[in-house]
């Protein structure tokens, strides 16, 4: 409602106009327009929110690794990757998409440290196998120089691992933290190592494996961004103990047929 303050001075709103004072001047502007979202826009907004929420779950699950290895706007990079995954889900599920509806393999090799990829340091990544009721990891017996990169002024390397098991329907999750594997770089041969981790596999769930590597010098971690790396190394979609492969939705193609020419046509020549 507008208030009459003088002969032509108003404060407040009159129709589409808003009157107010800025300093010693009387100012008028148009009132903001209310925009109503279309049904498709509302569905897209819902899916965007779900993608962002799932990204938050992953950051929380791997909070320790995010703190130790995260660099280069990890928050936005992870959100962008989750949105990319949601876009691979069938369009018919718009507004109701879940993480398992898209291609979660796109999350594989997501780097926590944008400056250094894990593969630049960990030459031989663990072999990860999904078994009944557990995940098994194997590192081969190998020369140390063929397992990890040797970096200046380093005594040991430390391999860290964490697993995130997320049941999509209930949004309940389990976080498994594995004790660090520390090995001296003075030893020429790595003896091999294996690990079997019990994990829940019932329901419709996502299993993510994150691996990090850094170096120690005189018991202190080297904080040079060139010498630490972490990634989500493996992603599994499991339905009641069975891994589910992503199948991309079919894209309908419409072929336009040439329409018969209508009406009279010229006859060329004499």
Protein backbone atom coordinates (compact mmCIF):
# COMPACT_ATOMS: atom_id res chain seq x y z
CA UNK A 1 0.00 0.00 0.00
CA UNK A 2 1.28 3.48 -0.88
CA UNK A 3 1.44 6.33 1.63
CA UNK A 4 0.93 9.95 0.57
CA UNK A 5 3.75 12.01 2.09
CA UNK A 6 3.32 15.18 0.11
CA UNK A 7 2.04 16.46 -3.16
CA UNK A 8 3.78 13.81 -5.30
CA UNK A 9 5.87 11.85 -2.82
CA UNK A 10 4.97 8.24 -2.11
CA UNK A 11 6.64 5.45 -0.16
CA UNK A 12 5.62 1.86 -0.64
CA UNK A 13 4.06 0.10 -3.61
CA UNK A 14 1.46 1.34 -6.04
CA UNK A 15 0.54 -1.18 -8.73
CA UNK A 16 3.76 -2.38 -10.39
CA UNK A 17 5.74 0.59 -9.06
CA UNK A 18 7.70 0.83 -5.81
CA UNK A 19 8.44 4.28 -4.38
CA UNK A 20 11.20 4.96 -1.84
CA UNK A 21 13.88 7.48 -0.93
CA UNK A 22 17.59 7.01 -1.48
CA UNK A 23 19.41 9.69 0.41
CA UNK A 24 17.68 12.95 -0.56
CA UNK A 25 16.22 11.60 -3.78
CA UNK A 26 12.79 10.14 -4.46
CA UNK A 27 13.23 6.89 -6.42
CA UNK A 28 10.75 4.68 -8.24
CA UNK A 29 11.30 1.19 -9.65
CA UNK A 30 9.24 -1.69 -10.96
CA UNK A 31 8.26 -4.37 -8.47
CA UNK A 32 10.03 -7.73 -9.03
CA UNK A 33 8.24 -10.15 -11.28
CA UNK A 34 7.10 -13.45 -9.81
CA UNK A 35 8.29 -16.35 -11.96
CA UNK A 36 6.38 -19.62 -11.92
CA UNK A 37 8.49 -22.68 -12.70
CA UNK A 38 7.26 -25.15 -15.26
CA UNK A 39 6.74 -28.80 -14.30
CA UNK A 40 10.00 -29.78 -16.05
CA UNK A 41 11.90 -27.05 -14.23
CA UNK A 42 10.56 -28.23 -10.87
CA UNK A 43 11.60 -31.80 -11.65
CA UNK A 44 15.08 -30.66 -12.69
CA UNK A 45 15.40 -28.66 -9.47
CA UNK A 46 14.41 -31.74 -7.43
CA UNK A 47 17.01 -33.91 -9.18
CA UNK A 48 19.64 -31.20 -8.72
CA UNK A 49 18.86 -31.13 -4.99
CA UNK A 50 19.12 -34.93 -4.76
CA UNK A 51 22.48 -34.89 -6.54
CA UNK A 52 23.82 -32.23 -4.17
CA UNK A 53 22.55 -34.17 -1.14
CA UNK A 54 24.28 -37.35 -2.31
CA UNK A 55 27.50 -35.41 -2.85
CA UNK A 56 27.22 -34.21 0.75
CA UNK A 57 26.84 -37.81 1.96
CA UNK A 58 30.02 -38.79 0.13
CA UNK A 59 31.98 -35.83 1.53
CA UNK A 60 30.79 -36.71 5.03
CA UNK A 61 31.64 -40.41 4.60
CA UNK A 62 35.17 -39.60 3.44
CA UNK A 63 35.56 -36.56 5.71
CA UNK A 64 39.01 -37.57 6.99
CA UNK A 65 40.33 -38.12 3.46
CA UNK A 66 38.71 -34.89 2.26
CA UNK A 67 40.48 -33.02 5.05
CA UNK A 68 43.88 -34.61 4.37
CA UNK A 69 43.80 -34.74 0.57
CA UNK A 70 41.15 -32.32 -0.66
CA UNK A 71 42.44 -29.52 -2.86
CA UNK A 72 41.08 -27.53 -5.79
CA UNK A 73 37.43 -26.82 -4.91
CA UNK A 74 36.55 -30.44 -4.17
CA UNK A 75 33.04 -29.43 -3.04
CA UNK A 76 31.98 -28.04 -6.42
CA UNK A 77 33.85 -30.66 -8.45
CA UNK A 78 32.07 -33.46 -6.61
CA UNK A 79 28.68 -31.75 -6.97
CA UNK A 80 29.29 -31.37 -10.70
CA UNK A 81 30.21 -35.05 -11.01
CA UNK A 82 27.05 -36.17 -9.17
CA UNK A 83 24.90 -33.95 -11.40
CA UNK A 84 26.58 -35.54 -14.42
CA UNK A 85 25.67 -39.00 -13.07
CA UNK A 86 22.05 -38.00 -12.45
CA UNK A 87 21.80 -36.77 -16.05
CA UNK A 88 22.54 -40.29 -17.30
CA UNK A 89 19.39 -41.64 -15.60
CA UNK A 90 16.31 -42.21 -17.82
CA UNK A 91 14.39 -38.99 -18.57
CA UNK A 92 11.17 -40.76 -17.58
CA UNK A 93 12.40 -40.67 -13.96
CA UNK A 94 12.81 -36.90 -13.92
CA UNK A 95 12.03 -35.53 -10.48
CA UNK A 96 12.45 -38.96 -8.87
CA UNK A 97 16.01 -39.89 -9.84
CA UNK A 98 18.29 -41.76 -7.44
CA UNK A 99 22.04 -42.19 -7.58
CA UNK A 100 21.66 -45.85 -8.63
CA UNK A 101 19.59 -44.82 -11.66
CA UNK A 102 22.61 -43.20 -13.28
CA UNK A 103 26.05 -44.39 -14.32
CA UNK A 104 27.97 -44.33 -11.04
CA UNK A 105 31.12 -45.53 -12.82
CA UNK A 106 31.53 -41.87 -13.81
CA UNK A 107 32.54 -41.29 -10.19
CA UNK A 108 35.43 -43.74 -10.52
CA UNK A 109 38.87 -42.09 -10.36
CA UNK A 110 37.44 -38.87 -8.94
CA UNK A 111 40.49 -37.08 -7.56
CA UNK A 112 40.43 -35.42 -4.13
CA UNK A 113 43.60 -33.46 -4.93
CA UNK A 114 43.04 -31.62 -8.20
CA UNK A 115 46.78 -30.92 -8.49
CA UNK A 116 48.01 -34.54 -8.42
CA UNK A 117 46.32 -37.72 -9.60
CA UNK A 118 46.76 -40.78 -7.39
CA UNK A 119 48.16 -42.75 -10.37
CA UNK A 120 51.11 -40.36 -10.50
CA UNK A 121 52.21 -41.70 -7.09
CA UNK A 122 50.64 -45.14 -6.71
CA UNK A 123 51.89 -46.98 -9.77
CA UNK A 124 50.23 -50.29 -8.90
CA UNK A 125 46.77 -49.83 -7.41
CA UNK A 126 45.20 -52.60 -5.30
CA UNK A 127 43.09 -55.14 -7.11
CA UNK A 128 39.56 -54.88 -5.72
CA UNK A 129 37.15 -57.81 -5.92
CA UNK A 130 33.56 -58.00 -4.76
CA UNK A 131 32.91 -61.30 -2.98
CA UNK A 132 29.90 -62.63 -1.09
CA UNK A 133 29.45 -60.41 1.95
CA UNK A 134 32.80 -58.67 1.60
CA UNK A 135 35.28 -56.72 -0.51
CA UNK A 136 38.76 -58.15 -1.04
CA UNK A 137 41.83 -56.07 -1.85
CA UNK A 138 45.14 -57.40 -3.09
CA UNK A 139 48.52 -55.72 -3.55
CA UNK A 140 51.07 -57.84 -5.44
CA UNK A 141 54.53 -58.88 -4.35
CA UNK A 142 56.56 -56.39 -6.33
CA UNK A 143 59.64 -54.17 -6.36
CA UNK A 144 58.91 -51.09 -4.30
CA UNK A 145 59.96 -48.80 -7.15
CA UNK A 146 57.24 -50.41 -9.29
CA UNK A 147 54.61 -49.95 -6.61
CA UNK A 148 55.01 -46.28 -5.69
CA UNK A 149 56.86 -43.29 -7.00
CA UNK A 150 59.99 -42.36 -5.06
CA UNK A 151 59.95 -38.70 -4.03
CA UNK A 152 62.76 -36.56 -2.57
CA UNK A 153 63.44 -36.68 1.18
CA UNK A 154 60.92 -39.40 1.96
CA UNK A 155 61.40 -42.30 4.35
CA UNK A 156 58.06 -44.14 4.15
CA UNK A 157 54.86 -44.16 2.18
CA UNK A 158 51.44 -44.48 3.80
CA UNK A 159 48.49 -46.07 2.02
CA UNK A 160 45.05 -45.17 3.39
CA UNK A 161 41.72 -46.73 2.51
CA UNK A 162 38.07 -46.14 3.36
CA UNK A 163 34.81 -47.72 2.16
CA UNK A 164 31.37 -46.13 1.94
CA UNK A 165 28.32 -48.42 1.74
CA UNK A 166 25.11 -46.48 1.03
CA UNK A 167 21.60 -47.99 0.89
CA UNK A 168 19.75 -45.71 -1.49
CA UNK A 169 16.12 -46.31 -0.50
CA UNK A 170 16.58 -45.86 3.27
CA UNK A 171 19.57 -43.47 2.89
CA UNK A 172 21.34 -45.43 5.64
CA UNK A 173 25.06 -45.83 5.24
CA UNK A 174 28.09 -47.55 6.71
CA UNK A 175 31.66 -46.25 6.75
CA UNK A 176 34.56 -48.68 7.04
CA UNK A 177 37.96 -47.21 7.91
CA UNK A 178 40.99 -49.42 7.39
CA UNK A 179 44.20 -49.05 9.41
CA UNK A 180 46.99 -47.32 7.51
CA UNK A 181 49.53 -49.42 5.62
CA UNK A 182 52.98 -47.93 6.20
CA UNK A 183 56.05 -49.20 4.38
CA UNK A 184 59.69 -48.11 4.33
CA UNK A 185 61.06 -46.87 1.02
CA UNK A 186 64.44 -48.28 2.02
CA UNK A 187 63.12 -51.79 1.38
CA UNK A 188 63.61 -52.73 -2.25
CA UNK A 189 60.77 -55.27 -2.39
CA UNK A 190 57.19 -55.00 -1.21
CA UNK A 191 56.07 -58.41 0.14
CA UNK A 192 52.47 -58.10 -1.04
CA UNK A 193 49.39 -57.51 1.09
CA UNK A 194 45.75 -58.52 1.17
CA UNK A 195 42.67 -57.40 3.01
CA UNK A 196 39.14 -58.75 3.31
CA UNK A 197 36.49 -56.33 4.57
CA UNK A 198 32.97 -57.48 5.54
CA UNK A 199 30.36 -55.13 4.06
CA UNK A 200 26.57 -55.19 3.95
CA UNK A 201 25.34 -56.00 0.45
CA UNK A 202 21.60 -56.41 0.91
CA UNK A 203 19.19 -53.88 -0.57
CA UNK A 204 19.81 -51.39 -3.34
CA UNK A 205 23.14 -49.85 -2.50
CA UNK A 206 26.28 -48.13 -3.65
CA UNK A 207 29.76 -49.23 -2.54
CA UNK A 208 32.60 -46.74 -2.97
CA UNK A 209 36.28 -47.43 -2.30
CA UNK A 210 38.59 -44.46 -1.67
CA UNK A 211 42.38 -44.81 -1.62
CA UNK A 212 44.88 -42.19 -0.49
CA UNK A 213 48.69 -42.10 -0.51
CA UNK A 214 51.16 -39.75 1.14
CA UNK A 215 54.80 -39.79 2.23
CA UNK A 216 56.60 -39.33 5.55
CA UNK A 217 59.92 -37.69 6.26
CA UNK A 218 61.28 -37.97 9.82
CA UNK A 219 57.79 -39.00 11.02
CA UNK A 220 56.16 -35.92 9.47
CA UNK A 221 53.85 -35.94 6.49
CA UNK A 222 55.07 -34.19 3.36
CA UNK A 223 52.49 -31.49 2.63
CA UNK A 224 53.68 -30.63 -0.86
CA UNK A 225 50.59 -31.09 -3.10
CA UNK A 226 52.76 -32.90 -5.63
CA UNK A 227 53.36 -35.71 -3.14
CA UNK A 228 49.93 -36.77 -1.96
CA UNK A 229 46.90 -38.05 -3.82
CA UNK A 230 43.55 -39.68 -3.21
CA UNK A 231 40.74 -40.93 -5.42
CA UNK A 232 37.50 -42.89 -5.42
CA UNK A 233 39.10 -45.91 -7.03
CA UNK A 234 36.12 -48.29 -7.36
CA UNK A 235 32.34 -47.90 -7.55
CA UNK A 236 29.80 -50.71 -7.33
CA UNK A 237 26.01 -50.73 -7.66
CA UNK A 238 24.75 -53.77 -5.76
CA UNK A 239 21.22 -55.16 -5.64
CA UNK A 240 20.83 -57.81 -2.92
CA UNK A 241 24.43 -58.98 -3.23
CA UNK A 242 24.64 -58.90 -7.03
CA UNK A 243 26.51 -56.20 -8.93
CA UNK A 244 24.26 -54.33 -11.35
CA UNK A 245 25.69 -52.99 -14.60
CA UNK A 246 24.46 -49.64 -15.87
CA UNK A 247 22.42 -49.78 -19.05
CA UNK A 248 22.09 -46.46 -20.85
CA UNK A 249 18.50 -45.56 -21.77
CA UNK A 250 17.57 -45.96 -25.41
CA UNK A 251 17.46 -42.76 -27.41
CA UNK A 252 14.48 -42.57 -29.72
CA UNK A 253 15.34 -41.45 -33.22
CA UNK A 254 12.71 -39.95 -35.44
CA UNK A 255 13.28 -40.29 -39.17
CA UNK A 256 11.55 -37.74 -41.33
CA UNK A 257 10.11 -39.15 -44.55
CA UNK A 258 10.02 -36.99 -47.63
CA UNK A 259 6.48 -35.86 -48.22
CA UNK A 260 5.00 -36.31 -51.68
CA UNK A 261 4.96 -33.11 -53.60
CA UNK A 262 1.50 -31.65 -53.81
CA UNK A 263 -0.06 -29.61 -56.63
CA UNK A 264 0.93 -29.12 -60.28
CA UNK A 265 4.55 -29.16 -61.43
CA UNK A 266 6.26 -27.68 -64.44
CA UNK A 267 7.30 -30.06 -67.20
CA UNK A 268 10.75 -29.08 -68.32
CA UNK A 269 11.74 -29.01 -72.02
CA UNK A 270 9.70 -28.47 -75.21
